[in-house]
C-alpha atoms as a PDB file:
ATOM      1  CA  UNK A   1     120.815 112.601 108.647  1.00  0.00           C
ATOM      2  CA  UNK A   2     122.717 113.125 111.370  1.00  0.00           C
ATOM      3  CA  UNK A   3     125.669 110.897 112.767  1.00  0.00           C
ATOM      4  CA  UNK A   4     127.638 111.260 115.870  1.00  0.00           C
ATOM      5  CA  UNK A   5     130.935 110.309 116.239  1.00  0.00           C
ATOM      6  CA  UNK A   6     132.011 109.264 120.115  1.00  0.00           C
ATOM      7  CA  UNK A   7     135.698 109.223 120.564  1.00  0.00           C
ATOM      8  CA  UNK A   8     138.426 109.323 122.917  1.00  0.00           C
ATOM      9  CA  UNK A   9     142.275 110.874 122.967  1.00  0.00           C
ATOM     10  CA  UNK A  10     144.700 108.749 121.015  1.00  0.00           C
ATOM     11  CA  UNK A  11     142.051 106.001 119.512  1.00  0.00           C
ATOM     12  CA  UNK A  12     143.468 104.431 116.247  1.00  0.00           C
ATOM     13  CA  UNK A  13     140.345 103.575 115.308  1.00  0.00           C
ATOM     14  CA  UNK A  14     138.858 106.888 116.219  1.00  0.00           C
ATOM     15  CA  UNK A  15     141.286 108.352 114.063  1.00  0.00           C
ATOM     16  CA  UNK A  16     140.589 106.061 111.581  1.00  0.00           C
ATOM     17  CA  UNK A  17     137.058 106.376 111.671  1.00  0.00           C
ATOM     18  CA  UNK A  18     137.187 109.842 111.017  1.00  0.00           C
ATOM     19  CA  UNK A  19     139.795 109.696 108.294  1.00  0.00           C
ATOM     20  CA  UNK A  20     137.148 107.405 106.488  1.00  0.00           C
ATOM     21  CA  UNK A  21     134.435 109.493 106.790  1.00  0.00           C
ATOM     22  CA  UNK A  22     136.179 112.804 105.945  1.00  0.00           C
ATOM     23  CA  UNK A  23     137.780 110.812 102.382  1.00  0.00           C
ATOM     24  CA  UNK A  24     134.222 109.674 101.651  1.00  0.00           C
ATOM     25  CA  UNK A  25     132.846 113.786 102.505  1.00  0.00           C
ATOM     26  CA  UNK A  26     130.260 111.875 105.160  1.00  0.00           C
ATOM     27  CA  UNK A  27     129.764 114.859 107.255  1.00  0.00           C
ATOM     28  CA  UNK A  28     129.480 114.118 111.071  1.00  0.00           C
ATOM     29  CA  UNK A  29     129.497 115.971 114.925  1.00  0.00           C
ATOM     30  CA  UNK A  30     132.416 114.439 117.050  1.00  0.00           C
ATOM     31  CA  UNK A  31     132.013 114.580 121.048  1.00  0.00           C
ATOM     32  CA  UNK A  32     133.914 112.456 123.759  1.00  0.00           C
ATOM     33  CA  UNK A  33     133.232 109.469 124.921  1.00  0.00           C
ATOM     34  CA  UNK A  34     133.885 110.442 128.339  1.00  0.00           C
ATOM     35  CA  UNK A  35     131.198 113.166 128.669  1.00  0.00           C
ATOM     36  CA  UNK A  36     128.769 110.695 127.687  1.00  0.00           C
ATOM     37  CA  UNK A  37     130.087 107.189 129.102  1.00  0.00           C
ATOM     38  CA  UNK A  38     126.604 106.580 130.366  1.00  0.00           C
ATOM     39  CA  UNK A  39     125.129 107.089 127.127  1.00  0.00           C
ATOM     40  CA  UNK A  40     127.178 104.974 125.328  1.00  0.00           C
ATOM     41  CA  UNK A  41     126.982 102.401 128.543  1.00  0.00           C
ATOM     42  CA  UNK A  42     123.154 102.625 128.354  1.00  0.00           C
ATOM     43  CA  UNK A  43     123.265 101.432 124.457  1.00  0.00           C
ATOM     44  CA  UNK A  44     126.105  98.216 125.204  1.00  0.00           C
ATOM     45  CA  UNK A  45     128.890  99.909 124.395  1.00  0.00           C
ATOM     46  CA  UNK A  46     132.380  99.761 126.146  1.00  0.00           C
ATOM     47  CA  UNK A  47     134.907 100.279 122.911  1.00  0.00           C
ATOM     48  CA  UNK A  48     135.242 103.416 120.941  1.00  0.00           C
ATOM     49  CA  UNK A  49     134.324 104.951 118.575  1.00  0.00           C
ATOM     50  CA  UNK A  50     130.569 104.897 118.498  1.00  0.00           C
ATOM     51  CA  UNK A  51     128.874 105.919 115.423  1.00  0.00           C
ATOM     52  CA  UNK A  52     125.462 106.845 115.968  1.00  0.00           C
ATOM     53  CA  UNK A  53     122.721 107.492 112.933  1.00  0.00           C
ATOM     54  CA  UNK A  54     119.724 109.466 113.111  1.00  0.00           C
ATOM     55  CA  UNK A  55     117.769 107.978 110.683  1.00  0.00           C
ATOM     56  CA  UNK A  56     114.837 110.353 111.571  1.00  0.00           C
ATOM     57  CA  UNK A  57     111.726 109.872 113.290  1.00  0.00           C
ATOM     58  CA  UNK A  58     113.145 108.191 116.575  1.00  0.00           C
ATOM     59  CA  UNK A  59     114.887 105.778 114.393  1.00  0.00           C
ATOM     60  CA  UNK A  60     118.772 105.426 115.168  1.00  0.00           C
ATOM     61  CA  UNK A  61     121.236 103.073 114.044  1.00  0.00           C
ATOM     62  CA  UNK A  62     124.558 102.873 115.531  1.00  0.00           C
ATOM     63  CA  UNK A  63     127.542 100.283 115.725  1.00  0.00           C
ATOM     64  CA  UNK A  64     130.848 100.530 117.224  1.00  0.00           C
ATOM     65  CA  UNK A  65     134.739 100.194 116.589  1.00  0.00           C
ATOM     66  CA  UNK A  66     136.234 101.007 112.805  1.00  0.00           C
ATOM     67  CA  UNK A  67     134.366  99.643 110.670  1.00  0.00           C
ATOM     68  CA  UNK A  68     134.986 100.728 107.228  1.00  0.00           C
ATOM     69  CA  UNK A  69     132.207  98.663 105.681  1.00  0.00           C
ATOM     70  CA  UNK A  70     129.494  99.924 107.787  1.00  0.00           C
ATOM     71  CA  UNK A  71     130.931 103.424 106.732  1.00  0.00           C
ATOM     72  CA  UNK A  72     131.128 102.873 102.969  1.00  0.00           C
ATOM     73  CA  UNK A  73     127.416 101.393 103.342  1.00  0.00           C
ATOM     74  CA  UNK A  74     126.333 104.349 104.561  1.00  0.00           C
ATOM     75  CA  UNK A  75     127.984 106.768 102.090  1.00  0.00           C
ATOM     76  CA  UNK A  76     126.321 104.396  99.614  1.00  0.00           C
ATOM     77  CA  UNK A  77     122.879 105.106 101.452  1.00  0.00           C
ATOM     78  CA  UNK A  78     123.449 108.825 101.803  1.00  0.00           C
ATOM     79  CA  UNK A  79     124.233 109.114  98.094  1.00  0.00           C
ATOM     80  CA  UNK A  80     121.064 107.322  97.167  1.00  0.00           C
ATOM     81  CA  UNK A  81     118.592 109.192  99.273  1.00  0.00           C
ATOM     82  CA  UNK A  82     120.808 112.528  98.014  1.00  0.00           C
ATOM     83  CA  UNK A  83     119.757 112.152  94.217  1.00  0.00           C
ATOM     84  CA  UNK A  84     116.347 111.172  95.086  1.00  0.00           C
ATOM     85  CA  UNK A  85     115.854 114.236  97.036  1.00  0.00           C
ATOM     86  CA  UNK A  86     114.912 112.561 100.303  1.00  0.00           C
ATOM     87  CA  UNK A  87     117.742 113.777 102.579  1.00  0.00           C
ATOM     88  CA  UNK A  88     119.967 116.618 103.704  1.00  0.00           C
ATOM     89  CA  UNK A  89     123.049 116.179 105.120  1.00  0.00           C
ATOM     90  CA  UNK A  90     124.609 119.563 107.391  1.00  0.00           C
ATOM     91  CA  UNK A  91     128.250 120.370 106.970  1.00  0.00           C
ATOM     92  CA  UNK A  92     130.719 118.717 109.688  1.00  0.00           C
ATOM     93  CA  UNK A  93     130.419 120.216 112.839  1.00  0.00           C
END
């Protein structure tokens, strides 16, 4: 499972999102939203951060803005899958 956070400089919701991921120990890759704006617009997003979770087998989940409840749910899901031995999570990039 890979997680990508698309951010912009001086973005408070971006900073809060990364802090939440970091505090829960969830690894992610950070990419600049400005360099990926066409892709993000194709997903229907104009606000940042945009969080994209590759669930495997071509499935993805994504959302925009700072959503601590979503991040906590993702953390719980990752923890459950790791205990069951069903997912390996790469380190921060």
